[in-house]
Every structure is written in C-alpha cells, then in structure tokens.
C-alpha cells in the first residue's frame, strides 16, 4: 500500500487525540500512524475504528510509544521507517502531524508545588514534544530546491496541542504554576522549531493549537465551572482545530491558534 503522504497522531487513544485520529481517518484519504502505549494493540485498533465502519482499516497503522521514554520514542520512529520501507525513497512524507501529549496539575498556591509532580508535568508537556521533534522530524519532506516559499496547500503542518494559559501576557488569574510554565515553554519550542524549518527550507510549518476546554479526563474536575457553550466535546474540538490548521498560511507559522482561528498571544 502506498503511503505518500501520511499523518501522525501522538498519542491517539483518549480524549482529543482519539477524536483527532478518528477525524483524519474519516475525512481524509491519508494513512494515519497513531501511537499508543497499550499492551493490547488489537484492542486499541478496535476502539479507534469502532465508530468508523466505512473506513479502510488498513489506513490505520499503530506505533507503540511511551512518551516518558526517549528509547521508546526512538523505537516508534524506527518502526515508522520500517513500515514505510521503499516508500520513503519514493517520496513518502508527513502531510500532517498532531502531538497532543499533556497533563495538568492545578497548583493554586506555591505550597501546592511538588518536585516530582512538576518534573512529570514538564516531562510530558515539554520534553516529550522535544523528543518527538528529534526523532520524527526525519519524516518531513526534503528541503525545497527553490528559493520560493511553498504554498500553504502543499506545506506540511506540524502541530503541537498547547493551551491559552501558556500565554504570559494573558495570565490574569495566576495559579496552575507547572501547567502554565510548561505550556509557555512548549510555545517557545514551537517557535524555535518553526524557525529551524524556515532556515533549512523544509516545506513545513510548526504551529500550536489551543482547542478550548475539552470534555476529557484532563479537564474533568473543572467542568462545573465552565459555561456550557465553552465546554467542547472532543469530536467538535478535533474538527475545529483541524479546520483551523488546514487554513493557516505562511504568515501564520510559528504561532499558537485557538479553536476559533484567533491567535493566542505570547
């Protein structure tokens, strides 16, 4: 099966990431590589495909990946290379990638800070994203042979799920120390990687997205305090951010955009 181009979702099994995986399978013809950390890949496959009876199941390719382990991330990247095989030489490359790993520990005051919890937050929210860049950016299309900028329609979209609370200038309430700090760091990673892509003339852009408050386990304890019209089902959030990312042009790169297509200021 030809796999040029293809999509990558990491992780892919819960909440927004699961919705993103299903959305790309349902609305595109791309082969979708989806990472998971389960010991039961068959169960993962069945769960992802269960509401998609008309989707070609062969388009879903699973990669085992534990985001807290660089060895696991590197192994997943090699598994992807092996799956592509000769297609890699024939032009197979990433069309779209979403990196959605994140955890939230809502410290409300300095006394709530715990070193091990802060380290875990940065491990998932920042370090894993850096390591995914390190090991999976090899699948981006090759550098452009011309000096002209690629059209947005042919530009690979490399997307990290961030959050509005990572904005320093928008911080008016305080709290959530490690989550805010880690998302601010992730936003810097997004900008820095996008500059690298430009410098190397790689026809790809890196952006961040803020999906809003999504009805997932991450936000469960805050549901009661969110207005009904601002608490989004994962399917709605996935559709919105895919649409926003699809419409971004070269002037939008290196920045963070919310579910409504508005910039999240640094």
Protein backbone atom coordinates (compact mmCIF):
# COMPACT_ATOMS: atom_id res chain seq x y z
CA UNK A 1 0.00 0.00 0.00
CA UNK A 2 1.36 3.41 -0.99
CA UNK A 3 1.70 5.73 1.98
CA UNK A 4 2.67 9.03 0.43
CA UNK A 5 1.77 11.32 2.14
CA UNK A 6 0.64 10.25 5.62
CA UNK A 7 -0.47 11.59 9.01
CA UNK A 8 0.89 11.06 12.50
CA UNK A 9 -1.02 11.40 15.78
CA UNK A 10 0.75 11.04 19.14
CA UNK A 11 -0.77 9.87 21.37
CA UNK A 12 -4.03 8.63 19.84
CA UNK A 13 -6.14 6.67 22.30
CA UNK A 14 -8.03 9.07 24.57
CA UNK A 15 -9.95 12.33 24.55
CA UNK A 16 -8.89 14.89 21.97
CA UNK A 17 -6.13 12.74 20.48
CA UNK A 18 -8.57 9.88 19.86
CA UNK A 19 -11.01 12.30 18.25
CA UNK A 20 -8.23 13.69 16.04
CA UNK A 21 -7.27 10.19 14.93
CA UNK A 22 -10.84 9.30 14.01
CA UNK A 23 -11.40 12.65 12.32
CA UNK A 24 -8.41 12.22 9.99
CA UNK A 25 -9.43 8.66 9.19
CA UNK A 26 -12.99 9.76 8.43
CA UNK A 27 -12.31 12.96 6.46
CA UNK A 28 -9.06 12.28 4.57
CA UNK A 29 -7.51 9.54 2.46
CA UNK A 30 -4.26 9.66 4.42
CA UNK A 31 -2.69 6.65 6.05
CA UNK A 32 -2.73 7.51 9.76
CA UNK A 33 0.08 6.39 12.04
CA UNK A 34 -1.16 6.52 15.63
CA UNK A 35 0.93 6.00 18.74
CA UNK A 36 -0.22 4.19 21.87
CA UNK A 37 1.33 2.72 25.00
CA UNK A 38 -1.05 -0.20 25.48
CA UNK A 39 -0.01 -3.84 25.71
CA UNK A 40 -3.11 -4.70 23.67
CA UNK A 41 -2.75 -3.10 20.22
CA UNK A 42 -5.67 -5.11 18.84
CA UNK A 43 -7.95 -3.57 21.47
CA UNK A 44 -6.60 -0.11 20.63
CA UNK A 45 -7.32 -0.70 16.94
CA UNK A 46 -10.85 -1.90 17.62
CA UNK A 47 -11.57 1.10 19.85
CA UNK A 48 -10.33 3.62 17.30
CA UNK A 49 -12.19 2.02 14.41
CA UNK A 50 -15.42 1.06 16.21
CA UNK A 51 -17.42 4.15 15.10
CA UNK A 52 -15.88 4.14 11.60
CA UNK A 53 -17.41 1.13 9.80
CA UNK A 54 -16.81 2.57 6.33
CA UNK A 55 -13.14 3.47 6.83
CA UNK A 56 -10.49 1.22 5.30
CA UNK A 57 -8.94 -0.33 8.42
CA UNK A 58 -5.64 -0.73 6.59
CA UNK A 59 -5.20 3.04 6.71
CA UNK A 60 -4.70 2.87 10.48
CA UNK A 61 -1.17 1.88 11.48
CA UNK A 62 -0.27 1.65 15.16
CA UNK A 63 3.08 2.52 16.73
CA UNK A 64 3.90 1.63 20.33
CA UNK A 65 5.31 4.69 22.07
CA UNK A 66 5.75 5.66 25.71
CA UNK A 67 6.19 9.43 25.89
CA UNK A 68 8.25 9.29 29.09
CA UNK A 69 10.99 7.23 27.40
CA UNK A 70 13.30 8.51 24.68
CA UNK A 71 14.20 4.92 23.81
CA UNK A 72 10.53 4.19 23.20
CA UNK A 73 10.06 7.32 21.08
CA UNK A 74 13.14 6.43 19.03
CA UNK A 75 11.90 2.87 18.57
CA UNK A 76 8.50 4.14 17.41
CA UNK A 77 10.19 6.34 14.82
CA UNK A 78 12.18 3.38 13.58
CA UNK A 79 9.00 1.30 13.40
CA UNK A 80 7.50 4.02 11.22
CA UNK A 81 10.57 4.00 8.97
CA UNK A 82 10.33 0.21 8.67
CA UNK A 83 6.62 0.45 7.82
CA UNK A 84 7.33 2.95 5.07
CA UNK A 85 10.08 0.79 3.61
CA UNK A 86 10.77 1.65 0.00
CA UNK A 87 8.00 4.26 0.06
CA UNK A 88 10.38 6.50 2.00
CA UNK A 89 12.66 6.59 -1.04
CA UNK A 90 9.67 7.19 -3.28
CA UNK A 91 8.60 10.36 -1.55
CA UNK A 92 6.53 9.23 1.41
CA UNK A 93 6.46 12.07 3.93
CA UNK A 94 4.38 13.63 6.65
CA UNK A 95 1.42 15.65 5.49
CA UNK A 96 0.00 16.40 8.95
CA UNK A 97 1.20 15.64 12.47
CA UNK A 98 -0.55 16.33 15.77
CA UNK A 99 1.30 15.99 19.08
CA UNK A 100 -1.22 16.11 21.90
CA UNK A 101 0.55 14.75 24.98
CA UNK A 102 -0.27 16.75 28.09
CA UNK A 103 -1.08 16.52 31.79
CA UNK A 104 -2.46 19.07 34.24
CA UNK A 105 -1.73 19.51 37.94
CA UNK A 106 -3.58 22.68 39.05
CA UNK A 107 -1.42 24.09 41.82
CA UNK A 108 -3.26 27.08 43.27
CA UNK A 109 -0.50 28.32 45.59
CA UNK A 110 3.26 27.80 45.98
CA UNK A 111 2.70 25.35 48.82
CA UNK A 112 0.97 23.01 46.36
CA UNK A 113 4.11 22.57 44.30
CA UNK A 114 5.70 19.14 44.45
CA UNK A 115 9.04 18.50 42.76
CA UNK A 116 8.19 15.08 41.34
CA UNK A 117 4.85 16.32 40.00
CA UNK A 118 6.46 19.36 38.40
CA UNK A 119 9.07 17.14 36.77
CA UNK A 120 6.39 14.82 35.41
CA UNK A 121 4.43 17.78 34.04
CA UNK A 122 7.46 19.09 32.16
CA UNK A 123 8.37 15.59 31.02
CA UNK A 124 5.04 15.12 29.25
CA UNK A 125 4.17 18.70 28.32
CA UNK A 126 7.58 19.80 27.04
CA UNK A 127 10.34 17.18 26.98
CA UNK A 128 8.31 14.55 25.14
CA UNK A 129 7.42 17.13 22.50
CA UNK A 130 11.10 17.99 22.05
CA UNK A 131 11.99 14.32 21.67
CA UNK A 132 9.17 13.75 19.17
CA UNK A 133 10.67 16.58 17.13
CA UNK A 134 14.10 14.98 17.43
CA UNK A 135 13.05 11.53 16.25
CA UNK A 136 10.08 12.12 13.92
CA UNK A 137 11.15 15.24 12.02
CA UNK A 138 13.14 12.91 9.76
CA UNK A 139 9.81 12.15 8.05
CA UNK A 140 9.23 15.72 6.93
CA UNK A 141 9.54 16.38 3.19
CA UNK A 142 13.04 17.20 1.93
CA UNK A 143 14.24 20.80 1.70
CA UNK A 144 12.87 22.81 -1.18
CA UNK A 145 15.21 23.06 -4.16
CA UNK A 146 13.98 26.57 -4.94
CA UNK A 147 14.06 29.82 -3.02
CA UNK A 148 10.31 30.38 -3.39
CA UNK A 149 8.05 29.62 -0.47
CA UNK A 150 5.85 26.57 -0.73
CA UNK A 151 2.14 27.22 -1.00
CA UNK A 152 0.27 26.53 2.20
CA UNK A 153 -1.73 23.79 0.49
CA UNK A 154 1.49 21.83 -0.08
CA UNK A 155 3.14 22.68 3.22
CA UNK A 156 3.29 20.02 5.91
CA UNK A 157 1.57 21.05 9.13
CA UNK A 158 3.45 20.03 12.29
CA UNK A 159 1.12 20.80 15.19
CA UNK A 160 1.53 20.75 18.97
CA UNK A 161 -1.50 20.99 21.23
CA UNK A 162 -0.81 23.85 23.62
CA UNK A 163 -3.12 25.95 25.81
CA UNK A 164 -4.15 29.56 26.26
CA UNK A 165 -2.80 29.50 29.81
CA UNK A 166 0.69 29.27 28.32
CA UNK A 167 0.35 32.92 27.34
CA UNK A 168 2.32 35.17 29.72
CA UNK A 169 0.54 38.35 28.66
CA UNK A 170 -2.88 36.71 29.07
CA UNK A 171 -2.19 35.48 32.61
CA UNK A 172 -4.59 37.46 34.79
CA UNK A 173 -5.66 34.82 37.30
CA UNK A 174 -2.43 33.07 38.33
CA UNK A 175 -2.36 29.52 39.65
CA UNK A 176 -1.64 26.33 37.71
CA UNK A 177 2.09 27.01 38.07
CA UNK A 178 3.60 23.96 36.41
CA UNK A 179 0.96 23.71 33.68
CA UNK A 180 1.24 27.39 32.73
CA UNK A 181 5.03 27.25 32.78
CA UNK A 182 5.22 24.04 30.74
CA UNK A 183 2.82 25.34 28.09
CA UNK A 184 4.76 28.61 27.87
CA UNK A 185 7.89 26.52 27.32
CA UNK A 186 6.11 24.45 24.68
CA UNK A 187 5.12 27.63 22.85
CA UNK A 188 8.80 28.60 22.73
CA UNK A 189 9.62 25.16 21.34
CA UNK A 190 7.01 25.67 18.62
CA UNK A 191 8.51 29.00 17.59
CA UNK A 192 12.07 27.69 17.67
CA UNK A 193 11.32 24.59 15.59
CA UNK A 194 9.43 26.64 13.04
CA UNK A 195 12.44 28.93 12.63
CA UNK A 196 14.57 25.84 12.02
CA UNK A 197 12.17 24.66 9.31
CA UNK A 198 12.43 28.03 7.62
CA UNK A 199 16.20 28.16 7.87
CA UNK A 200 16.53 24.70 6.33
CA UNK A 201 13.94 25.49 3.62
CA UNK A 202 11.86 22.49 4.64
CA UNK A 203 8.34 22.83 3.19
CA UNK A 204 6.66 22.53 6.57
CA UNK A 205 5.41 24.83 9.30
CA UNK A 206 5.18 24.29 13.04
CA UNK A 207 2.25 25.79 14.95
CA UNK A 208 0.45 25.33 18.23
CA UNK A 209 -3.27 24.99 18.80
CA UNK A 210 -5.49 25.72 21.77
CA UNK A 211 -8.60 23.52 21.47
CA UNK A 212 -10.53 25.26 24.23
CA UNK A 213 -11.77 23.41 27.29
CA UNK A 214 -12.43 19.92 26.01
CA UNK A 215 -14.60 17.44 27.86
CA UNK A 216 -11.84 14.95 28.69
CA UNK A 217 -10.34 13.43 31.81
CA UNK A 218 -7.72 16.20 31.88
CA UNK A 219 -10.36 18.85 32.50
CA UNK A 220 -12.97 16.77 34.34
CA UNK A 221 -12.62 18.50 37.72
CA UNK A 222 -13.29 21.89 36.07
CA UNK A 223 -16.39 21.02 34.03
CA UNK A 224 -18.83 22.56 36.52
CA UNK A 225 -17.11 25.92 36.31
CA UNK A 226 -17.10 26.17 32.50
CA UNK A 227 -20.06 27.75 30.65
CA UNK A 228 -21.96 25.12 28.67
CA UNK A 229 -21.15 26.80 25.34
CA UNK A 230 -17.42 26.78 26.17
CA UNK A 231 -17.11 23.11 27.17
CA UNK A 232 -16.43 21.23 23.95
CA UNK A 233 -16.93 17.60 23.08
CA UNK A 234 -13.71 16.05 21.73
CA UNK A 235 -15.18 15.49 18.26
CA UNK A 236 -16.12 19.17 17.96
CA UNK A 237 -12.71 20.35 19.19
CA UNK A 238 -10.90 17.98 16.80
CA UNK A 239 -12.94 19.20 13.84
CA UNK A 240 -12.34 22.84 14.72
CA UNK A 241 -8.57 22.64 15.16
CA UNK A 242 -8.13 20.52 12.02
CA UNK A 243 -10.07 23.15 10.08
CA UNK A 244 -8.03 25.97 11.63
CA UNK A 245 -4.72 24.25 10.87
CA UNK A 246 -5.77 23.46 7.31
CA UNK A 247 -6.44 27.13 6.58
CA UNK A 248 -3.21 28.55 8.04
CA UNK A 249 -0.89 30.25 5.57
CA UNK A 250 2.79 31.13 5.71
CA UNK A 251 2.06 34.29 7.73
CA UNK A 252 0.55 32.13 10.49
CA UNK A 253 3.53 29.90 11.17
CA UNK A 254 5.39 29.64 14.45
CA UNK A 255 2.42 30.88 16.48
CA UNK A 256 -0.42 29.42 18.56
CA UNK A 257 -4.01 29.49 17.32
CA UNK A 258 -7.22 28.73 19.15
CA UNK A 259 -10.19 26.67 18.05
CA UNK A 260 -11.85 29.77 16.54
CA UNK A 261 -8.81 30.70 14.45
CA UNK A 262 -7.70 33.52 16.74
CA UNK A 263 -4.08 33.90 17.80
CA UNK A 264 -3.12 33.09 21.37
CA UNK A 265 -0.76 35.94 22.15
CA UNK A 266 2.61 35.07 23.73
